[in-house]
C-alpha atoms as a PDB file:
ATOM      1  CA  MET A   1     -67.374  44.867 -44.362  1.00  0.00           C
ATOM      2  CA  ALA A   2     -66.820  41.655 -44.996  1.00  0.00           C
ATOM      3  CA  LEU A   3     -64.051  39.608 -42.724  1.00  0.00           C
ATOM      4  CA  ASP A   4     -60.883  39.238 -44.320  1.00  0.00           C
ATOM      5  CA  LEU A   5     -59.769  35.723 -43.215  1.00  0.00           C
ATOM      6  CA  ALA A   6     -55.926  36.814 -44.723  1.00  0.00           C
ATOM      7  CA  ASP A   7     -55.700  33.881 -46.615  1.00  0.00           C
ATOM      8  CA  TYR A   8     -55.137  31.700 -43.678  1.00  0.00           C
ATOM      9  CA  GLU A   9     -55.003  28.197 -45.057  1.00  0.00           C
ATOM     10  CA  PRO A  10     -51.566  28.232 -46.903  1.00  0.00           C
ATOM     11  CA  LYS A  11     -50.280  30.208 -43.823  1.00  0.00           C
ATOM     12  CA  ALA A  12     -51.285  28.017 -41.582  1.00  0.00           C
ATOM     13  CA  ARG A  13     -49.865  24.866 -43.775  1.00  0.00           C
ATOM     14  CA  ALA A  14     -46.483  26.660 -43.715  1.00  0.00           C
ATOM     15  CA  ALA A  15     -46.862  27.338 -39.735  1.00  0.00           C
ATOM     16  CA  VAL A  16     -47.468  23.828 -39.669  1.00  0.00           C
ATOM     17  CA  GLN A  17     -44.388  22.706 -41.676  1.00  0.00           C
ATOM     18  CA  ALA A  18     -42.289  25.273 -39.541  1.00  0.00           C
ATOM     19  CA  PHE A  19     -43.394  23.453 -36.552  1.00  0.00           C
ATOM     20  CA  TRP A  20     -42.038  19.943 -37.614  1.00  0.00           C
ATOM     21  CA  GLY A  21     -38.783  21.726 -39.147  1.00  0.00           C
ATOM     22  CA  ASN A  22     -37.876  23.878 -35.967  1.00  0.00           C
ATOM     23  CA  ARG A  23     -38.651  20.977 -33.811  1.00  0.00           C
ATOM     24  CA  ASP A  24     -36.107  18.646 -35.832  1.00  0.00           C
ATOM     25  CA  SER A  25     -33.582  21.579 -36.140  1.00  0.00           C
ATOM     26  CA  ALA A  26     -33.592  22.192 -32.255  1.00  0.00           C
ATOM     27  CA  ARG A  27     -32.950  18.494 -31.800  1.00  0.00           C
ATOM     28  CA  GLN A  28     -29.875  18.309 -34.158  1.00  0.00           C
ATOM     29  CA  ALA A  29     -28.364  21.375 -32.721  1.00  0.00           C
ATOM     30  CA  GLN A  30     -28.518  19.441 -29.392  1.00  0.00           C
ATOM     31  CA  ILE A  31     -27.294  16.722 -30.823  1.00  0.00           C
ATOM     32  CA  ALA A  32     -24.193  18.607 -32.583  1.00  0.00           C
ATOM     33  CA  ALA A  33     -23.596  19.892 -29.268  1.00  0.00           C
ATOM     34  CA  GLY A  34     -23.481  16.974 -27.334  1.00  0.00           C
ATOM     35  CA  ARG A  35     -26.703  17.821 -25.415  1.00  0.00           C
ATOM     36  CA  ILE A  36     -29.434  15.576 -26.124  1.00  0.00           C
ATOM     37  CA  ALA A  37     -32.312  16.117 -23.585  1.00  0.00           C
ATOM     38  CA  ALA A  38     -34.634  13.366 -22.419  1.00  0.00           C
ATOM     39  CA  GLY A  39     -37.700  12.065 -24.832  1.00  0.00           C
ATOM     40  CA  GLU A  40     -38.829  14.785 -26.813  1.00  0.00           C
ATOM     41  CA  ARG A  41     -37.769  17.882 -24.752  1.00  0.00           C
ATOM     42  CA  GLY A  42     -34.901  18.553 -27.070  1.00  0.00           C
ATOM     43  CA  ALA A  43     -36.980  19.115 -29.637  1.00  0.00           C
ATOM     44  CA  VAL A  44     -39.136  22.090 -27.826  1.00  0.00           C
ATOM     45  CA  THR A  45     -36.209  24.078 -26.160  1.00  0.00           C
ATOM     46  CA  ALA A  46     -35.542  26.673 -29.031  1.00  0.00           C
ATOM     47  CA  GLY A  47     -39.155  28.015 -28.249  1.00  0.00           C
ATOM     48  CA  LYS A  48     -40.069  28.979 -31.586  1.00  0.00           C
ATOM     49  CA  ASN A  49     -42.029  26.090 -33.011  1.00  0.00           C
ATOM     50  CA  MET A  50     -45.599  27.748 -32.995  1.00  0.00           C
ATOM     51  CA  ASP A  51     -44.048  31.180 -34.313  1.00  0.00           C
ATOM     52  CA  GLY A  52     -46.295  30.736 -38.028  1.00  0.00           C
ATOM     53  CA  PHE A  53     -49.327  30.948 -35.902  1.00  0.00           C
ATOM     54  CA  ILE A  54     -48.104  33.782 -33.996  1.00  0.00           C
ATOM     55  CA  ALA A  55     -47.560  35.324 -37.450  1.00  0.00           C
ATOM     56  CA  LEU A  56     -50.959  34.391 -38.699  1.00  0.00           C
ATOM     57  CA  ILE A  57     -52.765  36.141 -35.897  1.00  0.00           C
ATOM     58  CA  LEU A  58     -50.617  39.474 -36.416  1.00  0.00           C
ATOM     59  CA  ASP A  59     -51.909  39.497 -40.367  1.00  0.00           C
ATOM     60  CA  LEU A  60     -55.499  38.788 -38.952  1.00  0.00           C
ATOM     61  CA  VAL A  61     -55.380  42.130 -36.751  1.00  0.00           C
ATOM     62  CA  ARG A  62     -53.974  44.105 -39.646  1.00  0.00           C
ATOM     63  CA  ALA A  63     -56.270  42.807 -42.011  1.00  0.00           C
ATOM     64  CA  ASN A  64     -59.488  43.491 -39.977  1.00  0.00           C
ATOM     65  CA  GLY A  65     -58.861  47.156 -39.206  1.00  0.00           C
ATOM     66  CA  LEU A  66     -56.211  47.409 -36.217  1.00  0.00           C
ATOM     67  CA  ALA A  67     -53.572  47.784 -38.189  1.00  0.00           C
ATOM     68  CA  HIS A  68     -51.981  50.179 -35.507  1.00  0.00           C
ATOM     69  CA  ALA A  69     -52.953  47.950 -32.612  1.00  0.00           C
ATOM     70  CA  GLU A  70     -50.224  46.468 -30.666  1.00  0.00           C
ATOM     71  CA  VAL A  71     -49.613  42.807 -30.977  1.00  0.00           C
ATOM     72  CA  HIS A  72     -47.045  41.724 -28.185  1.00  0.00           C
ATOM     73  CA  ARG A  73     -45.079  38.238 -28.358  1.00  0.00           C
ATOM     74  CA  SER A  74     -41.874  39.009 -26.066  1.00  0.00           C
ATOM     75  CA  ARG A  75     -41.858  37.289 -22.980  1.00  0.00           C
ATOM     76  CA  ALA A  76     -41.421  40.942 -20.929  1.00  0.00           C
ATOM     77  CA  LEU A  77     -45.018  41.938 -22.743  1.00  0.00           C
ATOM     78  CA  VAL A  78     -47.561  39.234 -22.625  1.00  0.00           C
ATOM     79  CA  THR A  79     -48.437  39.345 -19.056  1.00  0.00           C
ATOM     80  CA  LEU A  80     -51.722  39.368 -17.661  1.00  0.00           C
ATOM     81  CA  PRO A  81     -53.218  39.784 -14.048  1.00  0.00           C
ATOM     82  CA  GLY A  82     -54.502  37.002 -12.702  1.00  0.00           C
ATOM     83  CA  TYR A  83     -57.323  36.405 -10.222  1.00  0.00           C
ATOM     84  CA  PHE A  84     -56.504  33.327  -8.527  1.00  0.00           C
ATOM     85  CA  ARG A  85     -52.724  33.785  -8.716  1.00  0.00           C
ATOM     86  CA  PRO A  86     -50.748  37.196  -9.281  1.00  0.00           C
ATOM     87  CA  THR A  87     -50.242  36.629 -13.156  1.00  0.00           C
ATOM     88  CA  LYS A  88     -50.186  34.722 -15.761  1.00  0.00           C
ATOM     89  CA  LEU A  89     -47.859  34.494 -19.195  1.00  0.00           C
ATOM     90  CA  TRP A  90     -49.603  34.420 -22.723  1.00  0.00           C
ATOM     91  CA  ASP A  91     -48.112  33.845 -25.979  1.00  0.00           C
ATOM     92  CA  VAL A  92     -49.976  36.732 -27.821  1.00  0.00           C
ATOM     93  CA  LEU A  93     -51.446  40.044 -26.551  1.00  0.00           C
ATOM     94  CA  VAL A  94     -53.237  42.435 -28.612  1.00  0.00           C
ATOM     95  CA  LEU A  95     -53.956  45.764 -27.317  1.00  0.00           C
ATOM     96  CA  HIS A  96     -55.793  48.879 -29.016  1.00  0.00           C
ATOM     97  CA  GLN A  97     -56.034  52.391 -27.276  1.00  0.00           C
ATOM     98  CA  GLY A  98     -54.838  51.056 -24.244  1.00  0.00           C
ATOM     99  CA  ARG A  99     -57.709  48.219 -24.317  1.00  0.00           C
ATOM    100  CA  LEU A 100     -56.904  44.564 -24.278  1.00  0.00           C
ATOM    101  CA  VAL A 101     -58.454  43.016 -27.452  1.00  0.00           C
ATOM    102  CA  ALA A 102     -57.181  39.575 -27.500  1.00  0.00           C
ATOM    103  CA  ALA A 103     -54.831  37.131 -25.387  1.00  0.00           C
ATOM    104  CA  LEU A 104     -54.233  33.859 -27.233  1.00  0.00           C
ATOM    105  CA  GLU A 105     -52.135  30.686 -26.643  1.00  0.00           C
ATOM    106  CA  PHE A 106     -50.415  28.333 -28.679  1.00  0.00           C
ATOM    107  CA  LYS A 107     -49.947  24.507 -27.600  1.00  0.00           C
ATOM    108  CA  SER A 108     -48.756  21.356 -29.159  1.00  0.00           C
ATOM    109  CA  GLN A 109     -48.113  17.434 -28.087  1.00  0.00           C
ATOM    110  CA  VAL A 110     -46.529  14.979 -29.731  1.00  0.00           C
ATOM    111  CA  GLY A 111     -45.585  11.390 -28.546  1.00  0.00           C
ATOM    112  CA  PRO A 112     -45.065   9.024 -27.726  1.00  0.00           C
ATOM    113  CA  SER A 113     -46.518   9.842 -24.049  1.00  0.00           C
ATOM    114  CA  PHE A 114     -49.943  11.045 -25.186  1.00  0.00           C
ATOM    115  CA  GLY A 115     -51.715  10.340 -21.720  1.00  0.00           C
ATOM    116  CA  ASN A 116     -50.241  12.375 -18.734  1.00  0.00           C
ATOM    117  CA  ASN A 117     -49.606  15.092 -21.361  1.00  0.00           C
ATOM    118  CA  PHE A 118     -53.680  15.354 -22.346  1.00  0.00           C
ATOM    119  CA  ASN A 119     -54.411  15.743 -18.906  1.00  0.00           C
ATOM    120  CA  ASN A 120     -51.672  18.217 -18.474  1.00  0.00           C
ATOM    121  CA  ARG A 121     -53.087  20.434 -21.151  1.00  0.00           C
ATOM    122  CA  ALA A 122     -56.479  20.008 -19.888  1.00  0.00           C
ATOM    123  CA  GLU A 123     -55.848  21.178 -16.638  1.00  0.00           C
ATOM    124  CA  GLU A 124     -53.807  24.247 -17.808  1.00  0.00           C
ATOM    125  CA  ALA A 125     -56.481  25.167 -20.365  1.00  0.00           C
ATOM    126  CA  ILE A 126     -59.125  25.273 -18.214  1.00  0.00           C
ATOM    127  CA  GLY A 127     -57.234  26.822 -14.974  1.00  0.00           C
ATOM    128  CA  SER A 128     -56.007  29.633 -17.695  1.00  0.00           C
ATOM    129  CA  ALA A 129     -59.376  30.157 -18.787  1.00  0.00           C
ATOM    130  CA  HIS A 130     -61.511  30.403 -15.757  1.00  0.00           C
ATOM    131  CA  ASP A 131     -58.920  32.685 -14.060  1.00  0.00           C
ATOM    132  CA  PHE A 132     -58.530  35.073 -16.765  1.00  0.00           C
ATOM    133  CA  GLN A 133     -62.618  35.079 -17.110  1.00  0.00           C
ATOM    134  CA  VAL A 134     -63.106  36.261 -13.514  1.00  0.00           C
ATOM    135  CA  ALA A 135     -60.000  38.457 -13.525  1.00  0.00           C
ATOM    136  CA  TYR A 136     -61.960  40.330 -16.254  1.00  0.00           C
ATOM    137  CA  ARG A 137     -65.103  40.115 -14.470  1.00  0.00           C
ATOM    138  CA  GLU A 138     -63.256  41.896 -11.467  1.00  0.00           C
ATOM    139  CA  GLY A 139     -62.142  44.554 -13.457  1.00  0.00           C
ATOM    140  CA  ALA A 140     -58.628  43.581 -14.104  1.00  0.00           C
ATOM    141  CA  PHE A 141     -58.340  44.524 -17.499  1.00  0.00           C
ATOM    142  CA  GLY A 142     -60.353  47.758 -17.153  1.00  0.00           C
ATOM    143  CA  ALA A 143     -64.356  48.411 -17.974  1.00  0.00           C
ATOM    144  CA  HIS A 144     -64.021  47.623 -21.717  1.00  0.00           C
ATOM    145  CA  PRO A 145     -65.912  44.942 -23.961  1.00  0.00           C
ATOM    146  CA  ARG A 146     -65.050  41.133 -22.852  1.00  0.00           C
ATOM    147  CA  PRO A 147     -61.581  40.696 -24.912  1.00  0.00           C
ATOM    148  CA  PHE A 148     -61.173  37.289 -26.834  1.00  0.00           C
ATOM    149  CA  LEU A 149     -59.555  34.475 -25.651  1.00  0.00           C
ATOM    150  CA  GLY A 150     -58.102  31.796 -27.887  1.00  0.00           C
ATOM    151  CA  TRP A 151     -56.748  28.574 -27.746  1.00  0.00           C
ATOM    152  CA  LEU A 152     -54.732  26.500 -30.136  1.00  0.00           C
ATOM    153  CA  MET A 153     -53.398  22.849 -29.852  1.00  0.00           C
ATOM    154  CA  LEU A 154     -51.365  21.180 -32.619  1.00  0.00           C
ATOM    155  CA  VAL A 155     -51.069  17.356 -32.016  1.00  0.00           C
ATOM    156  CA  GLU A 156     -49.247  14.689 -33.520  1.00  0.00           C
ATOM    157  CA  ASP A 157     -51.128  12.566 -35.553  1.00  0.00           C
ATOM    158  CA  ALA A 158     -49.770   9.213 -34.917  1.00  0.00           C
ATOM    159  CA  PRO A 159     -51.136   5.694 -34.056  1.00  0.00           C
ATOM    160  CA  GLY A 160     -50.623   6.858 -29.997  1.00  0.00           C
ATOM    161  CA  SER A 161     -53.079   9.472 -30.864  1.00  0.00           C
ATOM    162  CA  ARG A 162     -55.462   7.687 -32.830  1.00  0.00           C
ATOM    163  CA  THR A 163     -55.800   4.646 -30.899  1.00  0.00           C
ATOM    164  CA  PRO A 164     -59.427   4.455 -28.830  1.00  0.00           C
ATOM    165  CA  VAL A 165     -58.657   4.680 -25.032  1.00  0.00           C
ATOM    166  CA  ARG A 166     -60.699   2.997 -22.341  1.00  0.00           C
ATOM    167  CA  ASP A 167     -60.868   4.559 -19.364  1.00  0.00           C
ATOM    168  CA  VAL A 168     -62.651   3.126 -16.509  1.00  0.00           C
ATOM    169  CA  ALA A 169     -63.756   5.821 -13.365  1.00  0.00           C
ATOM    170  CA  SER A 170     -63.630   3.903 -10.056  1.00  0.00           C
ATOM    171  CA  HIS A 171     -67.332   4.744  -8.679  1.00  0.00           C
ATOM    172  CA  PHE A 172     -69.529   6.866 -11.591  1.00  0.00           C
ATOM    173  CA  ARG A 173     -69.528   6.278 -15.144  1.00  0.00           C
ATOM    174  CA  VAL A 174     -67.330   8.187 -17.584  1.00  0.00           C
ATOM    175  CA  PHE A 175     -69.172  10.694 -19.719  1.00  0.00           C
ATOM    176  CA  ALA A 176     -70.030   8.870 -23.201  1.00  0.00           C
ATOM    177  CA  ALA A 177     -68.391  11.469 -25.431  1.00  0.00           C
ATOM    178  CA  PHE A 178     -65.135  10.155 -23.930  1.00  0.00           C
ATOM    179  CA  GLN A 179     -65.345   6.517 -23.871  1.00  0.00           C
ATOM    180  CA  GLY A 180     -63.173   4.967 -26.605  1.00  0.00           C
ATOM    181  CA  ALA A 181     -62.104   8.144 -27.384  1.00  0.00           C
ATOM    182  CA  SER A 182     -58.738   8.413 -29.082  1.00  0.00           C
ATOM    183  CA  TYR A 183     -56.367  11.143 -27.517  1.00  0.00           C
ATOM    184  CA  ILE A 184     -57.083  13.367 -30.763  1.00  0.00           C
ATOM    185  CA  GLN A 185     -60.908  12.807 -30.001  1.00  0.00           C
ATOM    186  CA  ARG A 186     -60.196  14.017 -26.782  1.00  0.00           C
ATOM    187  CA  TYR A 187     -58.655  17.089 -27.594  1.00  0.00           C
ATOM    188  CA  ALA A 188     -61.714  18.110 -29.935  1.00  0.00           C
ATOM    189  CA  VAL A 189     -64.453  17.293 -26.829  1.00  0.00           C
ATOM    190  CA  LEU A 190     -62.076  19.694 -24.695  1.00  0.00           C
ATOM    191  CA  CYS A 191     -62.397  22.649 -27.418  1.00  0.00           C
ATOM    192  CA  GLN A 192     -65.857  21.906 -27.718  1.00  0.00           C
ATOM    193  CA  ARG A 193     -66.442  22.427 -24.090  1.00  0.00           C
ATOM    194  CA  LEU A 194     -64.256  24.942 -23.451  1.00  0.00           C
ATOM    195  CA  THR A 195     -65.810  26.914 -26.454  1.00  0.00           C
ATOM    196  CA  GLN A 196     -69.646  26.066 -24.965  1.00  0.00           C
ATOM    197  CA  GLU A 197     -68.789  26.720 -21.580  1.00  0.00           C
ATOM    198  CA  GLN A 198     -67.515  30.113 -22.748  1.00  0.00           C
ATOM    199  CA  LEU A 199     -64.159  30.041 -21.369  1.00  0.00           C
ATOM    200  CA  TYR A 200     -62.626  30.587 -24.542  1.00  0.00           C
ATOM    201  CA  SER A 201     -64.104  32.496 -27.292  1.00  0.00           C
ATOM    202  CA  ALA A 202     -62.805  29.869 -29.562  1.00  0.00           C
ATOM    203  CA  ALA A 203     -60.607  26.947 -28.694  1.00  0.00           C
ATOM    204  CA  CYS A 204     -59.002  25.017 -31.810  1.00  0.00           C
ATOM    205  CA  VAL A 205     -57.029  21.401 -32.647  1.00  0.00           C
ATOM    206  CA  ILE A 206     -55.568  20.605 -35.623  1.00  0.00           C
ATOM    207  CA  ALA A 207     -53.807  16.977 -36.113  1.00  0.00           C
ATOM    208  CA  SER A 208     -50.593  16.826 -38.052  1.00  0.00           C
ATOM    209  CA  PRO A 209     -48.214  14.053 -38.859  1.00  0.00           C
ATOM    210  CA  ARG A 210     -44.465  14.659 -38.251  1.00  0.00           C
ATOM    211  CA  THR A 211     -44.064  13.801 -42.569  1.00  0.00           C
ATOM    212  CA  ALA A 212     -45.938  17.166 -42.633  1.00  0.00           C
ATOM    213  CA  VAL A 213     -42.473  18.856 -42.341  1.00  0.00           C
ATOM    214  CA  ALA A 214     -42.167  18.229 -46.234  1.00  0.00           C
ATOM    215  CA  ASP A 215     -46.215  19.654 -47.253  1.00  0.00           C
ATOM    216  CA  GLY A 216     -48.123  21.556 -44.149  1.00  0.00           C
ATOM    217  CA  GLU A 217     -50.412  18.621 -43.909  1.00  0.00           C
ATOM    218  CA  TYR A 218     -52.981  18.961 -41.184  1.00  0.00           C
ATOM    219  CA  VAL A 219     -56.789  17.977 -40.727  1.00  0.00           C
ATOM    220  CA  GLU A 220     -59.583  19.607 -38.484  1.00  0.00           C
ATOM    221  CA  LEU A 221     -61.471  17.400 -36.149  1.00  0.00           C
ATOM    222  CA  ASP A 222     -65.016  19.302 -36.515  1.00  0.00           C
ATOM    223  CA  ALA A 223     -66.097  22.627 -37.673  1.00  0.00           C
ATOM    224  CA  LEU A 224     -66.526  24.033 -34.053  1.00  0.00           C
ATOM    225  CA  THR A 225     -63.065  23.062 -33.169  1.00  0.00           C
ATOM    226  CA  SER A 226     -61.732  24.099 -36.559  1.00  0.00           C
ATOM    227  CA  LEU A 227     -58.950  26.510 -37.243  1.00  0.00           C
ATOM    228  CA  ARG A 228     -61.548  28.273 -39.341  1.00  0.00           C
ATOM    229  CA  ALA A 229     -63.838  28.546 -36.650  1.00  0.00           C
ATOM    230  CA  LEU A 230     -61.186  30.007 -34.416  1.00  0.00           C
ATOM    231  CA  VAL A 231     -59.608  32.371 -37.389  1.00  0.00           C
ATOM    232  CA  THR A 232     -63.581  33.544 -38.321  1.00  0.00           C
ATOM    233  CA  THR A 233     -64.090  34.320 -34.559  1.00  0.00           C
ATOM    234  CA  PHE A 234     -61.049  36.366 -34.110  1.00  0.00           C
ATOM    235  CA  ALA A 235     -61.547  38.197 -37.226  1.00  0.00           C
ATOM    236  CA  ALA A 236     -64.952  39.303 -36.141  1.00  0.00           C
ATOM    237  CA  HIS A 237     -63.691  40.426 -32.890  1.00  0.00           C
ATOM    238  CA  VAL A 238     -60.831  42.457 -34.601  1.00  0.00           C
ATOM    239  CA  ALA A 239     -63.099  44.053 -36.879  1.00  0.00           C
ATOM    240  CA  ALA A 240     -65.784  44.615 -34.253  1.00  0.00           C
ATOM    241  CA  GLU A 241     -63.238  46.564 -31.909  1.00  0.00           C
ATOM    242  CA  ALA A 242     -61.945  48.610 -35.246  1.00  0.00           C
ATOM    243  CA  ALA A 243     -65.677  49.729 -35.511  1.00  0.00           C
ATOM    244  CA  ARG A 244     -65.908  50.940 -31.887  1.00  0.00           C
ATOM    245  CA  SER A 245     -62.639  52.919 -32.882  1.00  0.00           C
END
């Protein structure tokens, strides 16, 4: 059976529009209430900025044979056991007949500060994936096929994220892929390596300007880290799980 990608492209554009629109709404609500958070924090406190991407995941699950699967997104139902820590909260969990089918995380980063935030996001992504994979190996999710693990990053397409950055290590050379790379390019390298090292089933980065609130504009960096790659890999995993049922 051919995979059904659930007409993901217009849905992704709608998700990007909602991301920027929700951020602006949260900021305006705080201003109106007289509570203006420092920096960009006021734009993210609503916690629903990535809901459009979660809806896309639900559509992909239903379209590829798991219409009756449990898709959890509420905080009380997205906790999994870890190996190096007791538990970890994910953004979306998909379960079917008691089996963990998938766990996904959706992240975003906007300016003006890209440097420290990139390092923090990288450390979080690597640590969470390693913890998950060891927990799976040690039987935390039962004796079932390996679940799909997905990571999506939406980064603001802006001069600060596009400008080449110079790094100098004290004693050894920085890997060539990072030399002179912008923060958007660094996210692409991160996602490539997260996938190549099998920490994630698929890791995706898309870049979008703030003006995308009008049209949902976004760009992908390469085929391996594209939204299409994540969607296709996830749909194939769901279809395989459905075939086992």
